[in-house]
């Protein structure tokens, strides 16, 4: 029974973990993009003000931050689901071992 259950748990955790790592990389890249836009706007503040592009820069930054927020929310939900399932499976293994051993 253990030789069937444990490899499937490891395989499922590996697949889920790779999805979470990919999502984490995307969230970090998006955060870097939004930070780059803010840095560029602040470092070129005179040019931005001279052309009256404050609103445009603000909208660009706001859009990129919103994308980063969405990715981080998805990442947080994914991590929560992974941790919840992991705890459920591990406790199930312990409880089933105790139940079978007691029987």
N, C-alpha and C. Protein backbone atom coordinates (compact mmCIF):
# COMPACT_ATOMS: atom_id res chain seq x y z
N UNK A 1 0.84 -1.20 0.00
CA UNK A 1 0.00 0.00 0.00
C UNK A 1 0.88 1.26 0.00
N UNK A 2 1.91 1.23 0.84
CA UNK A 2 2.80 2.40 0.92
C UNK A 2 3.57 2.59 -0.38
N UNK A 3 3.90 1.49 -1.05
CA UNK A 3 4.65 1.61 -2.30
C UNK A 3 3.80 2.21 -3.42
N UNK A 4 2.49 2.20 -3.28
CA UNK A 4 1.62 2.86 -4.25
C UNK A 4 1.32 4.31 -3.86
N UNK A 5 1.12 4.55 -2.58
CA UNK A 5 0.67 5.86 -2.13
C UNK A 5 1.81 6.89 -2.13
N UNK A 6 2.94 6.52 -1.58
CA UNK A 6 4.03 7.49 -1.42
C UNK A 6 4.57 8.00 -2.75
N UNK A 7 4.82 7.17 -3.75
CA UNK A 7 5.29 7.73 -5.03
C UNK A 7 4.27 8.66 -5.69
N UNK A 8 2.98 8.35 -5.55
CA UNK A 8 1.97 9.24 -6.14
C UNK A 8 1.93 10.57 -5.41
N UNK A 9 2.16 10.56 -4.11
CA UNK A 9 2.21 11.81 -3.35
C UNK A 9 3.42 12.63 -3.77
N UNK A 10 4.55 11.98 -3.93
CA UNK A 10 5.77 12.67 -4.35
C UNK A 10 5.60 13.24 -5.75
N UNK A 11 5.01 12.48 -6.66
CA UNK A 11 4.80 12.96 -8.03
C UNK A 11 3.86 14.15 -8.05
N UNK A 12 2.77 14.06 -7.29
CA UNK A 12 1.82 15.18 -7.23
C UNK A 12 2.45 16.43 -6.64
N UNK A 13 3.24 16.25 -5.58
CA UNK A 13 3.92 17.39 -4.97
C UNK A 13 4.94 18.02 -5.89
N UNK A 14 5.62 17.19 -6.68
CA UNK A 14 6.61 17.70 -7.63
C UNK A 14 5.94 18.54 -8.72
N UNK A 15 4.84 18.04 -9.24
CA UNK A 15 4.13 18.77 -10.30
C UNK A 15 3.58 20.09 -9.74
N UNK A 16 2.94 20.02 -8.59
CA UNK A 16 2.36 21.21 -7.98
C UNK A 16 3.47 22.22 -7.64
N UNK A 17 4.60 21.73 -7.13
CA UNK A 17 5.72 22.60 -6.80
C UNK A 17 6.30 23.29 -8.02
N UNK A 18 6.37 22.59 -9.13
CA UNK A 18 6.92 23.22 -10.35
C UNK A 18 5.98 24.32 -10.86
N UNK A 19 4.68 24.10 -10.73
CA UNK A 19 3.72 25.14 -11.13
C UNK A 19 3.88 26.36 -10.23
N UNK A 20 4.05 26.13 -8.93
CA UNK A 20 4.22 27.25 -8.00
C UNK A 20 5.53 27.99 -8.25
N UNK A 21 6.59 27.27 -8.58
CA UNK A 21 7.87 27.93 -8.88
C UNK A 21 7.75 28.80 -10.13
N UNK A 22 7.06 28.31 -11.14
CA UNK A 22 6.86 29.08 -12.37
C UNK A 22 6.06 30.34 -12.07
N UNK A 23 5.01 30.20 -11.28
CA UNK A 23 4.17 31.35 -10.92
C UNK A 23 4.97 32.35 -10.08
N UNK A 24 5.83 31.86 -9.21
CA UNK A 24 6.67 32.74 -8.39
C UNK A 24 7.64 33.53 -9.26
N UNK A 25 8.23 32.88 -10.24
CA UNK A 25 9.14 33.58 -11.16
C UNK A 25 8.40 34.67 -11.94
N UNK A 26 7.18 34.35 -12.39
CA UNK A 26 6.39 35.35 -13.12
C UNK A 26 6.06 36.54 -12.23
N UNK A 27 5.69 36.28 -10.98
CA UNK A 27 5.35 37.36 -10.05
C UNK A 27 6.57 38.24 -9.78
N UNK A 28 7.74 37.63 -9.61
CA UNK A 28 8.96 38.40 -9.37
C UNK A 28 9.32 39.24 -10.59
N UNK A 29 9.17 38.68 -11.78
CA UNK A 29 9.47 39.42 -13.00
C UNK A 29 8.52 40.60 -13.17
N UNK A 30 7.24 40.39 -12.86
CA UNK A 30 6.26 41.46 -12.98
C UNK A 30 6.54 42.57 -11.97
N UNK A 31 6.92 42.19 -10.77
CA UNK A 31 7.26 43.18 -9.75
C UNK A 31 8.49 43.98 -10.18
N UNK A 32 9.45 43.31 -10.80
CA UNK A 32 10.63 43.99 -11.32
C UNK A 32 10.26 44.99 -12.42
N UNK A 33 9.32 44.60 -13.27
CA UNK A 33 8.86 45.49 -14.34
C UNK A 33 8.22 46.75 -13.77
N UNK A 34 7.35 46.56 -12.79
CA UNK A 34 6.68 47.72 -12.19
C UNK A 34 7.67 48.62 -11.46
N UNK A 35 8.64 48.04 -10.80
CA UNK A 35 9.66 48.83 -10.12
C UNK A 35 10.50 49.60 -11.13
N UNK A 36 10.79 48.97 -12.27
CA UNK A 36 11.55 49.64 -13.32
C UNK A 36 10.81 50.85 -13.88
N UNK A 37 9.50 50.73 -14.04
CA UNK A 37 8.70 51.85 -14.54
C UNK A 37 8.73 52.99 -13.53
N UNK A 38 8.59 52.67 -12.25
CA UNK A 38 8.62 53.71 -11.21
C UNK A 38 9.99 54.39 -11.18
N UNK A 39 11.04 53.58 -11.26
CA UNK A 39 12.39 54.14 -11.23
C UNK A 39 12.62 55.07 -12.42
N UNK A 40 12.19 54.64 -13.58
CA UNK A 40 12.37 55.46 -14.79
C UNK A 40 11.62 56.78 -14.69
N UNK A 41 10.38 56.71 -14.18
CA UNK A 41 9.58 57.93 -14.06
C UNK A 41 10.18 58.89 -13.04
N UNK A 42 10.67 58.35 -11.93
CA UNK A 42 11.24 59.21 -10.89
C UNK A 42 12.59 59.78 -11.33
N UNK A 43 13.40 58.96 -11.98
CA UNK A 43 14.72 59.46 -12.40
C UNK A 43 14.60 60.50 -13.52
N UNK A 44 13.53 60.44 -14.30
CA UNK A 44 13.32 61.41 -15.38
C UNK A 44 12.16 62.34 -15.05
N UNK A 45 12.08 62.75 -13.79
CA UNK A 45 10.94 63.54 -13.34
C UNK A 45 10.83 64.87 -14.08
N UNK A 46 11.95 65.48 -14.40
CA UNK A 46 11.89 66.78 -15.11
C UNK A 46 11.29 66.61 -16.50
N UNK A 47 11.72 65.57 -17.20
CA UNK A 47 11.19 65.31 -18.54
C UNK A 47 9.71 64.96 -18.48
N UNK A 48 9.36 64.15 -17.49
CA UNK A 48 7.96 63.74 -17.33
C UNK A 48 7.08 64.96 -17.08
N UNK A 49 7.52 65.84 -16.21
CA UNK A 49 6.74 67.04 -15.89
C UNK A 49 6.71 68.00 -17.08
N UNK A 50 7.82 68.08 -17.81
CA UNK A 50 7.89 69.00 -18.94
C UNK A 50 6.88 68.63 -20.02
N UNK A 51 6.65 67.34 -20.21
CA UNK A 51 5.70 66.89 -21.22
C UNK A 51 4.31 66.63 -20.64
N UNK A 52 4.15 66.87 -19.36
CA UNK A 52 2.84 66.67 -18.72
C UNK A 52 2.40 65.23 -18.74
N UNK A 53 3.35 64.30 -18.57
CA UNK A 53 3.04 62.87 -18.69
C UNK A 53 2.87 62.19 -17.34
N UNK A 54 2.56 62.98 -16.30
CA UNK A 54 2.42 62.38 -14.98
C UNK A 54 1.29 61.35 -14.95
N UNK A 55 0.17 61.71 -15.58
CA UNK A 55 -1.00 60.81 -15.59
C UNK A 55 -0.69 59.53 -16.35
N UNK A 56 -0.01 59.66 -17.49
CA UNK A 56 0.35 58.49 -18.28
C UNK A 56 1.28 57.57 -17.50
N UNK A 57 2.30 58.15 -16.86
CA UNK A 57 3.24 57.36 -16.07
C UNK A 57 2.52 56.69 -14.89
N UNK A 58 1.63 57.42 -14.27
CA UNK A 58 0.87 56.86 -13.15
C UNK A 58 0.03 55.68 -13.61
N UNK A 59 -0.63 55.81 -14.75
CA UNK A 59 -1.46 54.71 -15.28
C UNK A 59 -0.62 53.50 -15.64
N UNK A 60 0.55 53.74 -16.26
CA UNK A 60 1.43 52.63 -16.60
C UNK A 60 1.88 51.89 -15.35
N UNK A 61 2.30 52.65 -14.34
CA UNK A 61 2.74 52.04 -13.08
C UNK A 61 1.59 51.30 -12.41
N UNK A 62 0.42 51.91 -12.39
CA UNK A 62 -0.74 51.28 -11.76
C UNK A 62 -1.11 49.97 -12.46
N UNK A 63 -1.06 49.94 -13.77
CA UNK A 63 -1.37 48.71 -14.51
C UNK A 63 -0.38 47.60 -14.19
N UNK A 64 0.91 47.94 -14.14
CA UNK A 64 1.93 46.93 -13.85
C UNK A 64 1.82 46.43 -12.41
N UNK A 65 1.53 47.32 -11.47
CA UNK A 65 1.37 46.91 -10.08
C UNK A 65 0.13 46.03 -9.94
N UNK A 66 -0.93 46.35 -10.67
CA UNK A 66 -2.14 45.53 -10.63
C UNK A 66 -1.85 44.11 -11.14
N UNK A 67 -1.07 44.00 -12.21
CA UNK A 67 -0.69 42.68 -12.72
C UNK A 67 0.13 41.91 -11.69
N UNK A 68 1.07 42.61 -11.03
CA UNK A 68 1.88 41.96 -10.00
C UNK A 68 1.01 41.51 -8.84
N UNK A 69 0.04 42.32 -8.48
CA UNK A 69 -0.87 41.98 -7.39
C UNK A 69 -1.67 40.72 -7.72
N UNK A 70 -2.18 40.65 -8.93
CA UNK A 70 -2.95 39.48 -9.37
C UNK A 70 -2.09 38.21 -9.30
N UNK A 71 -0.87 38.30 -9.80
CA UNK A 71 0.02 37.14 -9.77
C UNK A 71 0.35 36.71 -8.35
N UNK A 72 0.59 37.69 -7.47
CA UNK A 72 0.91 37.35 -6.09
C UNK A 72 -0.29 36.77 -5.34
N UNK A 73 -1.48 37.21 -5.67
CA UNK A 73 -2.68 36.61 -5.07
C UNK A 73 -2.82 35.17 -5.51
N UNK A 74 -2.63 34.92 -6.81
CA UNK A 74 -2.69 33.54 -7.32
C UNK A 74 -1.62 32.67 -6.67
N UNK A 75 -0.42 33.23 -6.50
CA UNK A 75 0.67 32.51 -5.86
C UNK A 75 0.33 32.19 -4.41
N UNK A 76 -0.22 33.14 -3.69
CA UNK A 76 -0.61 32.92 -2.30
C UNK A 76 -1.67 31.85 -2.15
N UNK A 77 -2.66 31.87 -3.04
CA UNK A 77 -3.70 30.84 -3.01
C UNK A 77 -3.09 29.48 -3.33
N UNK A 78 -2.21 29.43 -4.31
CA UNK A 78 -1.56 28.16 -4.67
C UNK A 78 -0.73 27.60 -3.53
N UNK A 79 0.02 28.46 -2.85
CA UNK A 79 0.83 28.01 -1.72
C UNK A 79 -0.08 27.52 -0.60
N UNK A 80 -1.17 28.24 -0.35
CA UNK A 80 -2.11 27.83 0.69
C UNK A 80 -2.73 26.47 0.40
N UNK A 81 -3.13 26.26 -0.85
CA UNK A 81 -3.72 24.97 -1.23
C UNK A 81 -2.68 23.87 -1.11
N UNK A 82 -1.47 24.14 -1.56
CA UNK A 82 -0.40 23.14 -1.48
C UNK A 82 -0.12 22.76 -0.02
N UNK A 83 0.01 23.76 0.85
CA UNK A 83 0.29 23.47 2.25
C UNK A 83 -0.87 22.73 2.91
N UNK A 84 -2.10 23.14 2.58
CA UNK A 84 -3.27 22.47 3.15
C UNK A 84 -3.35 21.01 2.73
N UNK A 85 -3.16 20.75 1.44
CA UNK A 85 -3.19 19.37 0.95
C UNK A 85 -2.04 18.55 1.52
N UNK A 86 -0.89 19.18 1.62
CA UNK A 86 0.27 18.49 2.17
C UNK A 86 0.01 18.08 3.62
N UNK A 87 -0.51 18.99 4.42
CA UNK A 87 -0.82 18.66 5.82
C UNK A 87 -1.90 17.59 5.91
N UNK A 88 -2.90 17.69 5.06
CA UNK A 88 -3.99 16.71 5.07
C UNK A 88 -3.46 15.31 4.73
N UNK A 89 -2.63 15.21 3.71
CA UNK A 89 -2.09 13.91 3.31
C UNK A 89 -1.16 13.34 4.38
N UNK A 90 -0.29 14.18 4.91
CA UNK A 90 0.64 13.69 5.93
C UNK A 90 -0.09 13.23 7.19
N UNK A 91 -1.07 14.00 7.62
CA UNK A 91 -1.85 13.58 8.79
C UNK A 91 -2.68 12.33 8.49
N UNK A 92 -3.16 12.22 7.26
CA UNK A 92 -3.88 11.01 6.85
C UNK A 92 -3.00 9.79 6.89
N UNK A 93 -1.75 9.94 6.48
CA UNK A 93 -0.80 8.82 6.53
C UNK A 93 -0.56 8.40 7.97
N UNK A 94 -0.34 9.38 8.84
CA UNK A 94 -0.09 9.06 10.25
C UNK A 94 -1.31 8.39 10.87
N UNK A 95 -2.49 8.94 10.62
CA UNK A 95 -3.71 8.36 11.18
C UNK A 95 -4.00 6.96 10.65
N UNK A 96 -3.77 6.77 9.36
CA UNK A 96 -4.01 5.43 8.80
C UNK A 96 -3.00 4.43 9.33
N UNK A 97 -1.77 4.86 9.55
CA UNK A 97 -0.77 3.98 10.13
C UNK A 97 -1.16 3.58 11.56
N UNK A 98 -1.62 4.52 12.33
CA UNK A 98 -2.05 4.23 13.70
C UNK A 98 -3.28 3.33 13.69
N UNK A 99 -4.23 3.59 12.79
CA UNK A 99 -5.45 2.79 12.72
C UNK A 99 -5.13 1.36 12.30
N UNK A 100 -4.31 1.21 11.26
CA UNK A 100 -3.96 -0.15 10.81
C UNK A 100 -3.11 -0.88 11.84
N UNK A 101 -2.22 -0.13 12.51
CA UNK A 101 -1.39 -0.76 13.54
C UNK A 101 -2.22 -1.17 14.75
N UNK A 102 -3.21 -0.37 15.10
CA UNK A 102 -4.07 -0.70 16.24
C UNK A 102 -4.99 -1.86 15.94
N UNK A 103 -5.34 -1.98 14.69
CA UNK A 103 -6.27 -3.07 14.31
C UNK A 103 -5.54 -4.38 14.31
